[in-house]
Each structure stands twice: as structure tokens, then as C-alpha cells.
Amino acid sequence: MPAPPRKGMGAGMIVLIVVVIVVLLVAVLAALAIPGYQRIQKMAEEIKHQQSAAFTSPPPLTAPQKEALGRFGNELAEALGKKDMAKVMALQNGEALAARVFGKLPAGIPNSAEMRRGFLEGIKKRDGGWMWSVIGNEVKFLRIRERNGFPAVLLRVKSAEGAVNYVDVLAMPEGGSFRAVDMFNYVFATMVSEESRNALAAMVSKSVGGGFAAMLGIPKMDESAVDYLSRINDATRAGNMMEVLRICDGMPQALKTQRIFFILRLQALMVLSSSAELEPQYKEALRAAPDILGKDSTTDLLMVDLLFMENDLKGAEECLKRVDAVVGGDPYLKFLRGGARLQMKDYAGALELASQVAREDPKMVDVIDLRLSVHLALKDFKGVADDLRVFKRDFGHVLDRNALAGDPAYAEFLASPEFAAWEKEIAVP
């Protein structure tokens, strides 16, 4: 404490990057391995009409249902953050997600039942099911809302490094509570069901000449797409992001700009971007993101990282304000704005934002980082000591000499009378 700087950012500021949580389910769909896809193209020529989607939005929620949806949001956020796999699985409805994935298949498609069963088996075999990508992060329920006619809960997903993204988890009433049926990723503007269909179409297009993809309303992909997806999946599971980047960079140009591969490459660059050698490629990908991801993507979450790297702090703060408007308000974004103000040496503005955060979310420990950084920058050692007292009182943590000595920013404070008084204070049993 404070958090280490990144990409030239001042001590105490946590850079905003995007949590790597896009859900593609390539491994789930790879488990299908069903013969007979060559017959699908013939069926595509014979069937003229598609059946309607197998999943429709529920009627408007009653007041008790809205309360229940809020409880569901808190339960889900807690289970995801604690890696409670059993609870996460109990709070999601794989059958409903399968309906959203396969609901657009024309009637009579051969092996559709087997494909659906394979999809569901793949979900069951993965820890966390189709929400695996969110598990293990710090997840907070913010509010209930609606997306595409469905009730939803808005979650903030934050990594240990301070990376942040938002997801809407669509839910359906079930008994006196709710279960999750799909999830929308704000940065990539995509639903789990949509990306599952895209991946499924890519995986069978090689054998059916694109007929399956056409029936799903998905543009035909290059026949090599399935091979690239398989190789990227293997490299990702092995944790080899450099190999993912090499695979993406070796693709034909036509594939590089397709959303699915652009996102996979961007994610690899996010992980590798601390390398000075790769930073130019990361910046280039961030600049390209708005055009490729489209107007529905909250690309300001990506642009903030770019603007911080380029030291455009005012621009970064404006991005954060726009994200705040999109999600309907989040104190964590005010905390990040406070970090930008700190780097601009607007210490009064940074402290004001810190005070707003403390009022709106008294349990947000990050705000202590910000206040400590401001008071250290001002050499206000009384303020630093007061912050340490708040940290002890409100969060139960005591920072002593051993905890602070490793950070050069605290060197002068450790030699000050204010620290000597603090040291005596915490020595009292």
C-alpha cells in the first residue's frame, strides 16, 4: 500500500485496464465432436424458414421479484468472488443458456439434440460453468437493471491489479429467486450466447462450407478459423499468451480484423503489455478497438489505459466520466478519477473525490490508497497518520514500520514525529 505504479503512473494510482473476461467457450464447444456435419449444408439448402428463438423475456417484475433479484445479485457476486463453484453453478441455468444458443437452429437439423447435450456437458465439466471467466476476481453487485428485455444484475469485476470491467448478468425468475441465463460484457459488447454461436459456427464451417454459419446469420469464416481457434485455446489453457499473440499475428489479414480474433489478440496484449517492446502494438490495438468492437462497446474502458500511457490525464478522466454515465454510477470510477487528479497535482480535487467515494461506499479500501498518496505528495504527515488510523479503525489493518519500510514514498514519513507518535500508539496493547 499504496499500489505499485504502472506505465509511468505515479505512486498510489492503480491503472485502469480491462479484466480479461471475454467468454468464448471454445473448449466447451470443442467437446461436441459430433459426426455428420456434412449433412448440415444440404439441410441448409432444403429448409427455408427458421424457427423463432426458443427463449423469450419474462413479464415485468413485481416489487417482491425486484427485491429478490437484488438478493440474487449479491449472492452471485459473493459466490464468484469466493470461488464457491457449487454456489455459482446453482445460480446459473445451463438449459436456459443452451436455449439461447441453439434457439435459432432451423427445425430438423441433424444432430442438433446431440450438439445441445454436448454443449451442456461441456458447461458442467468446467469449474464455474459458463461464468468461469469471472470467478476469482473481486466482484461487486451494483444494481438491478434490464438488458434486451430481460431482468439483469450489473456487476463490477475487478482484478487484484485494479483492472476493471462490467457485466450484465441476465436472469430469469425461478421459484422465489432467480438464476442466470446469459451475460453481457461491456467492453466487448458481446453476450455469452452470441459468442458461443460464433465459435460453434466457426468450428463446423470447415466441414460444411459455411452453411451452418449462414443459418445462424453469422458471416462465413475462413476454413482455417477452427484451426486457429483450437491452437489459441490450447495456448490460453497453457497460460502462454506470447504464443497466442504469435498465432494471431500469423493469421491472414481477413481474419485479424474479425471480432473474435481481434478480441483474443487484444487480450493477449493486455497480459503482455508491461513489456516495452510490445507496448506499441498494444497501443495500436487500443486505437483500433472502437471501429472493430462497435458503438455498443464501452470502449472508454479501453481508451483510459491508452490515455494514461500517453499521459493525457484530462482525457482519461473524461473517459471515466463517460463510463460512469453508462453504468449508472460507480464509486470505484470516482476513485480512479481521483488517481488522475493526483497525477495532475490537483490534490484538493483528488481528496474531494476520495471523500465522495468514502461516503458512497464506506467499505472500499482503495480510497485509503488514494488519500495516503495525496498526503505523502503534500508531505502532510499528520494526514498520513490519520489515514493509517482510519485504516485500522474501519478495516482492522495496522501498517507498522515493517509494512511501510519497503516503499521509498514513506521514507520521510518514517523519520517524522507523526510516525513516531503512530508507532507508540500501535504498540499499546
Protein backbone atom coordinates (compact mmCIF):
# COMPACT_ATOMS: atom_id res chain seq x y z
CA MET A 1 0.00 0.00 0.00
CA PRO A 2 -0.20 2.19 -1.99
CA ALA A 3 -0.42 0.11 -5.16
CA PRO A 4 2.70 -0.01 -7.34
CA PRO A 5 2.81 2.31 -10.36
CA ARG A 6 2.43 1.01 -13.90
CA LYS A 7 3.39 2.55 -17.21
CA GLY A 8 4.76 5.75 -15.73
CA MET A 9 1.86 6.32 -13.36
CA GLY A 10 2.51 7.95 -10.01
CA ALA A 11 2.74 6.01 -6.77
CA GLY A 12 -0.64 5.09 -5.38
CA MET A 13 -2.50 5.15 -8.69
CA ILE A 14 -3.99 1.93 -9.97
CA VAL A 15 -4.11 1.95 -13.75
CA LEU A 16 -7.37 1.06 -15.39
CA ILE A 17 -7.03 -1.91 -17.69
CA VAL A 18 -9.66 -4.35 -18.79
CA VAL A 19 -10.26 -7.58 -16.97
CA VAL A 20 -9.68 -10.43 -19.39
CA ILE A 21 -13.11 -11.97 -19.18
CA VAL A 22 -14.48 -12.35 -22.70
CA VAL A 23 -16.35 -15.64 -22.80
CA LEU A 24 -15.86 -17.71 -25.95
CA LEU A 25 -16.42 -21.25 -24.67
CA VAL A 26 -14.14 -22.69 -27.34
CA ALA A 27 -13.19 -25.56 -25.04
CA VAL A 28 -16.85 -26.27 -24.28
CA LEU A 29 -17.77 -26.40 -27.94
CA ALA A 30 -14.70 -28.47 -28.79
CA ALA A 31 -16.19 -31.26 -26.68
CA LEU A 32 -19.04 -31.71 -29.18
CA ALA A 33 -17.10 -33.84 -31.69
CA ILE A 34 -20.31 -34.99 -33.39
CA PRO A 35 -20.13 -36.76 -36.78
CA GLY A 36 -22.38 -35.99 -39.69
CA TYR A 37 -21.82 -32.24 -40.09
CA GLN A 38 -21.53 -32.71 -43.84
CA ARG A 39 -25.30 -33.21 -43.90
CA ILE A 40 -25.95 -29.75 -42.45
CA GLN A 41 -25.15 -27.93 -45.67
CA LYS A 42 -27.75 -29.98 -47.52
CA MET A 43 -30.29 -29.22 -44.80
CA ALA A 44 -29.49 -25.52 -45.10
CA GLU A 45 -30.49 -25.65 -48.75
CA GLU A 46 -33.71 -27.53 -48.04
CA ILE A 47 -35.01 -25.56 -45.05
CA LYS A 48 -36.37 -22.15 -45.93
CA HIS A 49 -37.64 -20.89 -42.60
CA GLN A 50 -36.05 -20.64 -39.18
CA GLN A 51 -37.96 -21.30 -36.02
CA SER A 52 -38.31 -18.45 -33.58
CA ALA A 53 -35.88 -18.16 -30.67
CA ALA A 54 -36.62 -20.75 -28.00
CA PHE A 55 -36.20 -18.27 -25.19
CA THR A 56 -38.35 -15.21 -24.57
CA SER A 57 -38.14 -12.46 -21.97
CA PRO A 58 -40.31 -12.76 -18.83
CA PRO A 59 -43.20 -10.44 -17.95
CA PRO A 60 -42.39 -7.27 -15.96
CA LEU A 61 -41.14 -7.99 -12.44
CA THR A 62 -43.27 -7.38 -9.38
CA ALA A 63 -41.88 -5.37 -6.45
CA PRO A 64 -41.08 -8.57 -4.44
CA GLN A 65 -39.34 -10.01 -7.51
CA LYS A 66 -37.17 -6.91 -7.82
CA GLU A 67 -36.13 -7.33 -4.20
CA ALA A 68 -35.38 -10.99 -4.88
CA LEU A 69 -33.31 -10.01 -7.93
CA GLY A 70 -31.21 -7.70 -5.76
CA ARG A 71 -30.59 -10.55 -3.31
CA PHE A 72 -29.62 -12.77 -6.23
CA GLY A 73 -27.12 -10.14 -7.42
CA ASN A 74 -25.45 -10.02 -4.00
CA GLU A 75 -25.40 -13.83 -3.72
CA LEU A 76 -23.89 -14.22 -7.16
CA ALA A 77 -21.21 -11.56 -6.61
CA GLU A 78 -20.22 -13.15 -3.30
CA ALA A 79 -20.06 -16.67 -4.77
CA LEU A 80 -17.95 -15.51 -7.73
CA GLY A 81 -15.52 -13.61 -5.52
CA LYS A 82 -15.13 -16.50 -3.08
CA LYS A 83 -14.71 -19.10 -5.87
CA ASP A 84 -17.68 -21.00 -4.46
CA MET A 85 -18.07 -23.24 -7.51
CA ALA A 86 -21.07 -25.15 -6.21
CA LYS A 87 -22.95 -21.94 -5.44
CA VAL A 88 -22.07 -20.39 -8.80
CA MET A 89 -23.32 -23.47 -10.61
CA ALA A 90 -26.53 -23.47 -8.57
CA LEU A 91 -27.18 -19.82 -9.51
CA GLN A 92 -26.90 -20.37 -13.28
CA ASN A 93 -29.26 -22.13 -15.66
CA GLY A 94 -27.34 -24.02 -18.32
CA GLU A 95 -30.51 -25.26 -20.02
CA ALA A 96 -31.71 -21.70 -20.50
CA LEU A 97 -28.36 -20.62 -21.94
CA ALA A 98 -28.48 -23.60 -24.32
CA ALA A 99 -31.93 -22.44 -25.45
CA ARG A 100 -30.47 -19.02 -26.26
CA VAL A 101 -27.54 -20.58 -28.12
CA PHE A 102 -29.44 -23.19 -30.11
CA GLY A 103 -32.83 -21.49 -30.35
CA LYS A 104 -32.09 -20.15 -33.83
CA LEU A 105 -31.30 -23.54 -35.33
CA PRO A 106 -33.77 -24.49 -38.07
CA ALA A 107 -36.14 -27.32 -37.23
CA GLY A 108 -34.88 -30.70 -38.36
CA ILE A 109 -31.15 -30.00 -38.22
CA PRO A 110 -29.44 -33.40 -37.85
CA ASN A 111 -27.61 -33.97 -34.56
CA SER A 112 -28.96 -30.76 -33.01
CA ALA A 113 -30.01 -32.69 -29.90
CA GLU A 114 -26.52 -34.20 -29.63
CA MET A 115 -24.94 -30.77 -30.10
CA ARG A 116 -27.06 -29.34 -27.33
CA ARG A 117 -26.22 -32.23 -24.99
CA GLY A 118 -22.53 -31.80 -25.75
CA PHE A 119 -22.79 -28.09 -25.01
CA LEU A 120 -24.43 -28.73 -21.65
CA GLU A 121 -21.91 -31.43 -20.74
CA GLY A 122 -19.09 -29.04 -21.55
CA ILE A 123 -20.57 -26.43 -19.20
CA LYS A 124 -20.91 -28.95 -16.39
CA LYS A 125 -17.30 -30.10 -16.72
CA ARG A 126 -15.85 -26.59 -16.38
CA ASP A 127 -15.45 -25.18 -12.89
CA GLY A 128 -17.87 -22.28 -12.64
CA GLY A 129 -19.79 -23.36 -15.75
CA TRP A 130 -20.19 -20.63 -18.34
CA MET A 131 -19.32 -17.97 -15.76
CA TRP A 132 -15.81 -19.40 -15.27
CA SER A 133 -14.13 -16.24 -16.55
CA VAL A 134 -15.47 -14.03 -13.74
CA ILE A 135 -14.53 -16.34 -10.87
CA GLY A 136 -11.66 -15.34 -8.60
CA ASN A 137 -11.88 -11.62 -9.20
CA GLU A 138 -13.30 -9.05 -6.79
CA VAL A 139 -16.95 -8.90 -7.84
CA LYS A 140 -19.45 -6.37 -6.56
CA PHE A 141 -23.17 -6.17 -7.26
CA LEU A 142 -24.08 -2.58 -8.12
CA ARG A 143 -27.76 -2.54 -9.10
CA ILE A 144 -30.57 -4.29 -10.94
CA ARG A 145 -31.34 -3.22 -14.48
CA GLU A 146 -32.69 -4.55 -17.77
CA ARG A 147 -30.94 -5.71 -20.94
CA ASN A 148 -32.68 -6.78 -24.12
CA GLY A 149 -35.97 -7.08 -22.25
CA PHE A 150 -34.53 -9.32 -19.54
CA PRO A 151 -34.05 -8.50 -15.87
CA ALA A 152 -30.34 -8.27 -15.13
CA VAL A 153 -27.87 -7.53 -12.37
CA LEU A 154 -24.93 -5.20 -13.02
CA LEU A 155 -21.64 -6.49 -11.59
CA ARG A 156 -18.30 -4.73 -11.36
CA VAL A 157 -15.44 -7.18 -11.90
CA LYS A 158 -12.03 -6.10 -10.64
CA SER A 159 -8.72 -7.95 -10.64
CA ALA A 160 -6.10 -7.78 -7.89
CA GLU A 161 -4.20 -5.25 -10.01
CA GLY A 162 -7.16 -2.89 -10.19
CA ALA A 163 -8.27 -3.83 -13.71
CA VAL A 164 -12.00 -3.30 -14.10
CA ASN A 165 -14.88 -4.25 -16.36
CA TYR A 166 -18.64 -4.52 -16.02
CA VAL A 167 -21.06 -7.30 -16.91
CA ASP A 168 -24.83 -7.53 -17.00
CA VAL A 169 -25.95 -10.99 -15.90
CA LEU A 170 -29.36 -11.72 -17.39
CA ALA A 171 -31.61 -13.69 -15.05
CA MET A 172 -34.97 -15.41 -15.02
CA PRO A 173 -37.34 -15.89 -12.08
CA GLU A 174 -37.25 -19.38 -10.64
CA GLY A 175 -39.30 -20.11 -7.55
CA GLY A 176 -38.75 -17.26 -5.14
CA SER A 177 -35.38 -16.33 -6.59
CA PHE A 178 -33.54 -16.07 -9.93
CA ARG A 179 -30.97 -17.95 -12.00
CA ALA A 180 -28.52 -16.57 -14.54
CA VAL A 181 -29.23 -17.32 -18.19
CA ASP A 182 -26.69 -15.17 -20.11
CA MET A 183 -24.06 -12.47 -19.60
CA PHE A 184 -23.18 -9.25 -21.46
CA ASN A 185 -19.60 -7.98 -21.42
CA TYR A 186 -19.43 -4.16 -21.53
CA VAL A 187 -16.01 -3.82 -23.14
CA PHE A 188 -16.52 -6.34 -25.90
CA ALA A 189 -20.26 -5.69 -26.32
CA THR A 190 -21.00 -9.37 -26.59
CA MET A 191 -23.23 -11.97 -24.96
CA VAL A 192 -22.07 -15.43 -23.91
CA SER A 193 -24.78 -16.91 -26.14
CA GLU A 194 -23.66 -14.87 -29.15
CA GLU A 195 -20.01 -15.80 -28.82
CA SER A 196 -20.95 -19.44 -28.27
CA ARG A 197 -22.87 -19.45 -31.56
CA ASN A 198 -19.99 -17.72 -33.31
CA ALA A 199 -17.49 -20.26 -32.02
CA LEU A 200 -19.81 -23.15 -32.88
CA ALA A 201 -20.30 -21.86 -36.42
CA ALA A 202 -16.55 -21.44 -36.86
CA MET A 203 -15.91 -24.97 -35.67
CA VAL A 204 -18.25 -26.59 -38.15
CA SER A 205 -17.83 -24.24 -41.10
CA LYS A 206 -14.77 -26.12 -42.31
CA SER A 207 -16.81 -29.28 -42.83
CA VAL A 208 -19.96 -27.67 -44.18
CA GLY A 209 -18.62 -24.83 -46.32
CA GLY A 210 -20.19 -22.17 -44.15
CA GLY A 211 -23.77 -23.42 -44.43
CA PHE A 212 -24.17 -23.78 -40.68
CA ALA A 213 -22.87 -20.28 -40.04
CA ALA A 214 -25.21 -18.88 -42.67
CA MET A 215 -28.20 -20.48 -40.98
CA LEU A 216 -27.21 -18.73 -37.74
CA GLY A 217 -26.88 -15.39 -39.50
CA ILE A 218 -23.10 -15.36 -39.00
CA PRO A 219 -20.76 -14.37 -41.86
CA LYS A 220 -18.83 -17.31 -43.29
CA MET A 221 -15.40 -17.60 -41.71
CA ASP A 222 -12.20 -18.72 -43.40
CA GLU A 223 -11.87 -22.51 -43.33
CA SER A 224 -8.73 -22.17 -41.23
CA ALA A 225 -10.62 -20.36 -38.46
CA VAL A 226 -11.35 -23.53 -36.50
CA ASP A 227 -7.67 -24.48 -36.56
CA TYR A 228 -6.66 -21.05 -35.25
CA LEU A 229 -9.32 -21.19 -32.54
CA SER A 230 -8.14 -24.62 -31.44
CA ARG A 231 -4.48 -23.54 -31.29
CA ILE A 232 -5.34 -20.33 -29.42
CA ASN A 233 -7.44 -22.29 -26.96
CA ASP A 234 -4.56 -24.70 -26.27
CA ALA A 235 -2.10 -21.84 -25.76
CA THR A 236 -4.50 -19.95 -23.49
CA ARG A 237 -5.12 -23.00 -21.31
CA ALA A 238 -1.34 -23.41 -21.04
CA GLY A 239 -1.03 -19.77 -19.96
CA ASN A 240 1.19 -18.94 -22.95
CA MET A 241 -0.04 -15.53 -24.05
CA MET A 242 3.04 -14.95 -26.20
CA GLU A 243 2.07 -18.00 -28.24
CA VAL A 244 -1.49 -16.63 -28.56
CA LEU A 245 -0.02 -13.40 -29.91
CA ARG A 246 2.20 -15.28 -32.37
CA ILE A 247 -0.78 -17.29 -33.64
CA CYS A 248 -2.92 -14.17 -34.10
CA ASP A 249 -0.11 -12.27 -35.84
CA GLY A 250 0.37 -15.17 -38.25
CA MET A 251 -3.26 -15.16 -39.43
CA PRO A 252 -4.44 -13.94 -42.83
CA GLN A 253 -5.32 -10.25 -42.72
CA ALA A 254 -9.01 -11.02 -43.30
CA LEU A 255 -9.16 -12.93 -40.01
CA LYS A 256 -7.17 -10.42 -37.96
CA THR A 257 -9.96 -7.84 -38.10
CA GLN A 258 -12.78 -10.25 -37.24
CA ARG A 259 -14.12 -9.52 -33.77
CA ILE A 260 -13.42 -12.95 -32.30
CA PHE A 261 -9.73 -12.90 -33.26
CA PHE A 262 -9.24 -9.20 -32.61
CA ILE A 263 -10.52 -9.71 -29.06
CA LEU A 264 -8.28 -12.73 -28.47
CA ARG A 265 -5.22 -10.81 -29.70
CA LEU A 266 -6.12 -7.75 -27.63
CA GLN A 267 -6.45 -9.90 -24.51
CA ALA A 268 -3.01 -11.38 -25.10
CA LEU A 269 -1.56 -7.89 -25.50
CA MET A 270 -3.23 -6.76 -22.27
CA VAL A 271 -1.42 -9.52 -20.40
CA LEU A 272 1.90 -8.83 -22.15
CA SER A 273 1.71 -5.03 -22.33
CA SER A 274 4.13 -4.44 -19.45
CA SER A 275 6.84 -5.30 -21.98
CA ALA A 276 8.23 -2.10 -23.52
CA GLU A 277 8.74 -3.99 -26.79
CA LEU A 278 5.04 -4.84 -27.10
CA GLU A 279 3.61 -1.56 -25.84
CA PRO A 280 3.41 -0.01 -29.36
CA GLN A 281 1.36 -2.99 -30.58
CA TYR A 282 -0.91 -2.70 -27.55
CA LYS A 283 -1.48 1.00 -28.19
CA GLU A 284 -2.21 0.31 -31.87
CA ALA A 285 -4.78 -2.34 -30.93
CA LEU A 286 -6.46 0.00 -28.43
CA ARG A 287 -6.78 2.69 -31.10
CA ALA A 288 -8.36 0.19 -33.49
CA ALA A 289 -10.82 -1.15 -30.91
CA PRO A 290 -13.68 1.38 -31.29
CA ASP A 291 -14.06 0.69 -35.03
CA ILE A 292 -13.91 -3.09 -34.66
CA LEU A 293 -15.91 -3.52 -31.45
CA GLY A 294 -18.59 -1.03 -32.48
CA LYS A 295 -20.75 1.62 -30.88
CA ASP A 296 -22.31 -0.73 -28.31
CA SER A 297 -18.93 -1.45 -26.74
CA THR A 298 -17.88 0.58 -23.71
CA THR A 299 -14.53 1.26 -25.37
CA ASP A 300 -13.84 4.12 -22.99
CA LEU A 301 -12.73 1.38 -20.59
CA LEU A 302 -10.01 0.59 -23.14
CA MET A 303 -9.22 4.18 -24.02
CA VAL A 304 -8.50 5.06 -20.38
CA ASP A 305 -5.47 2.77 -20.39
CA LEU A 306 -4.24 4.29 -23.65
CA LEU A 307 -4.69 7.83 -22.38
CA PHE A 308 -2.89 7.10 -19.12
CA MET A 309 0.02 5.62 -21.08
CA GLU A 310 0.12 8.76 -23.22
CA ASN A 311 -0.15 10.95 -20.10
CA ASP A 312 -3.39 12.54 -21.30
CA LEU A 313 -4.81 12.68 -17.80
CA LYS A 314 -7.66 15.06 -18.57
CA GLY A 315 -8.72 12.82 -21.43
CA ALA A 316 -8.56 9.78 -19.16
CA GLU A 317 -10.77 11.47 -16.59
CA GLU A 318 -13.33 12.36 -19.28
CA CYS A 319 -13.38 8.69 -20.32
CA LEU A 320 -14.03 7.66 -16.74
CA LYS A 321 -16.91 10.12 -16.51
CA ARG A 322 -18.48 8.63 -19.65
CA VAL A 323 -18.12 5.09 -18.28
CA ASP A 324 -19.74 6.26 -15.04
CA ALA A 325 -22.73 7.51 -17.03
CA VAL A 326 -23.02 4.22 -18.96
CA VAL A 327 -23.07 2.03 -15.85
CA GLY A 328 -25.30 4.40 -13.89
CA GLY A 329 -22.69 5.41 -11.32
CA ASP A 330 -19.91 3.53 -9.54
CA PRO A 331 -17.74 4.93 -6.70
CA TYR A 332 -14.75 2.94 -7.98
CA LEU A 333 -14.67 5.12 -11.10
CA LYS A 334 -14.52 8.20 -8.87
CA PHE A 335 -11.54 6.60 -7.12
CA LEU A 336 -9.82 6.19 -10.49
CA ARG A 337 -10.64 9.79 -11.38
CA GLY A 338 -9.05 10.78 -8.08
CA GLY A 339 -5.90 8.99 -9.21
CA ALA A 340 -5.86 11.05 -12.38
CA ARG A 341 -6.28 14.24 -10.34
CA LEU A 342 -3.37 13.13 -8.15
CA GLN A 343 -1.11 12.81 -11.18
CA MET A 344 -2.24 16.23 -12.37
CA LYS A 345 -1.18 17.51 -8.92
CA ASP A 346 -4.75 18.60 -8.27
CA TYR A 347 -4.52 17.42 -4.69
CA ALA A 348 -7.66 19.18 -3.50
CA GLY A 349 -9.66 17.60 -6.32
CA ALA A 350 -8.23 14.17 -5.53
CA LEU A 351 -9.16 14.47 -1.86
CA GLU A 352 -12.66 15.66 -2.72
CA LEU A 353 -13.23 12.62 -4.93
CA ALA A 354 -11.82 10.39 -2.18
CA SER A 355 -14.34 11.87 0.25
CA GLN A 356 -17.18 11.21 -2.21
CA VAL A 357 -16.08 7.59 -2.56
CA ALA A 358 -15.93 7.14 1.22
CA ARG A 359 -19.49 8.46 1.55
CA GLU A 360 -20.87 6.33 -1.28
CA ASP A 361 -19.01 3.11 -0.43
CA PRO A 362 -17.51 3.15 3.08
CA LYS A 363 -16.16 -0.38 2.59
CA MET A 364 -13.96 0.48 -0.40
CA VAL A 365 -10.43 0.08 0.89
CA ASP A 366 -8.90 1.53 -2.31
CA VAL A 367 -9.81 5.02 -1.19
CA ILE A 368 -7.23 4.78 1.62
CA ASP A 369 -4.57 4.25 -1.08
CA LEU A 370 -5.62 7.46 -2.75
CA ARG A 371 -5.69 9.53 0.43
CA LEU A 372 -2.29 8.20 1.54
CA SER A 373 -0.79 9.04 -1.84
CA VAL A 374 -2.15 12.60 -1.74
CA HIS A 375 -0.92 13.23 1.80
CA LEU A 376 2.51 11.78 1.00
CA ALA A 377 2.76 14.02 -2.07
CA LEU A 378 1.89 17.05 0.09
CA LYS A 379 4.27 15.87 2.86
CA ASP A 380 1.26 16.16 5.15
CA PHE A 381 2.45 13.56 7.62
CA LYS A 382 -0.34 14.27 10.07
CA GLY A 383 -2.76 13.41 7.26
CA VAL A 384 -0.82 10.18 6.57
CA ALA A 385 -1.02 9.18 10.22
CA ASP A 386 -4.73 9.97 10.32
CA ASP A 387 -5.25 7.78 7.23
CA LEU A 388 -3.43 4.90 8.95
CA ARG A 389 -5.76 5.33 11.94
CA VAL A 390 -8.81 5.18 9.65
CA PHE A 391 -7.39 2.06 8.01
CA LYS A 392 -7.00 0.44 11.43
CA ARG A 393 -10.41 1.57 12.69
CA ASP A 394 -12.52 0.80 9.62
CA PHE A 395 -10.71 -2.18 8.11
CA GLY A 396 -8.82 -3.72 11.01
CA HIS A 397 -5.37 -3.44 9.42
CA VAL A 398 -2.33 -1.95 11.14
CA LEU A 399 0.55 -0.71 8.98
CA ASP A 400 3.77 -0.59 11.02
CA ARG A 401 7.38 0.18 10.14
CA ASN A 402 7.95 -3.25 8.59
CA ALA A 403 4.94 -2.83 6.33
CA LEU A 404 5.97 0.64 5.10
CA ALA A 405 9.77 0.49 5.00
CA GLY A 406 9.91 -1.19 1.60
CA ASP A 407 8.23 1.75 -0.16
CA PRO A 408 10.52 4.76 -0.80
CA ALA A 409 7.50 7.07 -0.75
CA TYR A 410 7.28 6.55 3.02
CA ALA A 411 10.95 7.28 3.82
CA GLU A 412 10.39 10.82 5.09
CA PHE A 413 7.22 9.88 6.93
CA LEU A 414 9.05 7.09 8.79
CA ALA A 415 11.54 9.68 10.07
CA SER A 416 8.83 12.12 11.16
CA PRO A 417 7.44 12.87 14.64
CA GLU A 418 3.99 11.90 13.33
CA PHE A 419 5.17 8.35 12.61
CA ALA A 420 6.89 8.15 16.00
CA ALA A 421 3.56 9.03 17.63
CA TRP A 422 1.76 6.44 15.47
CA GLU A 423 4.34 3.79 16.38
CA LYS A 424 3.80 4.40 20.09
CA GLU A 425 0.06 4.31 19.58
CA ILE A 426 0.02 0.88 17.93
CA ALA A 427 2.48 -0.50 20.48
CA VAL A 428 -0.11 -0.08 23.22
CA PRO A 429 -1.77 -3.47 23.91
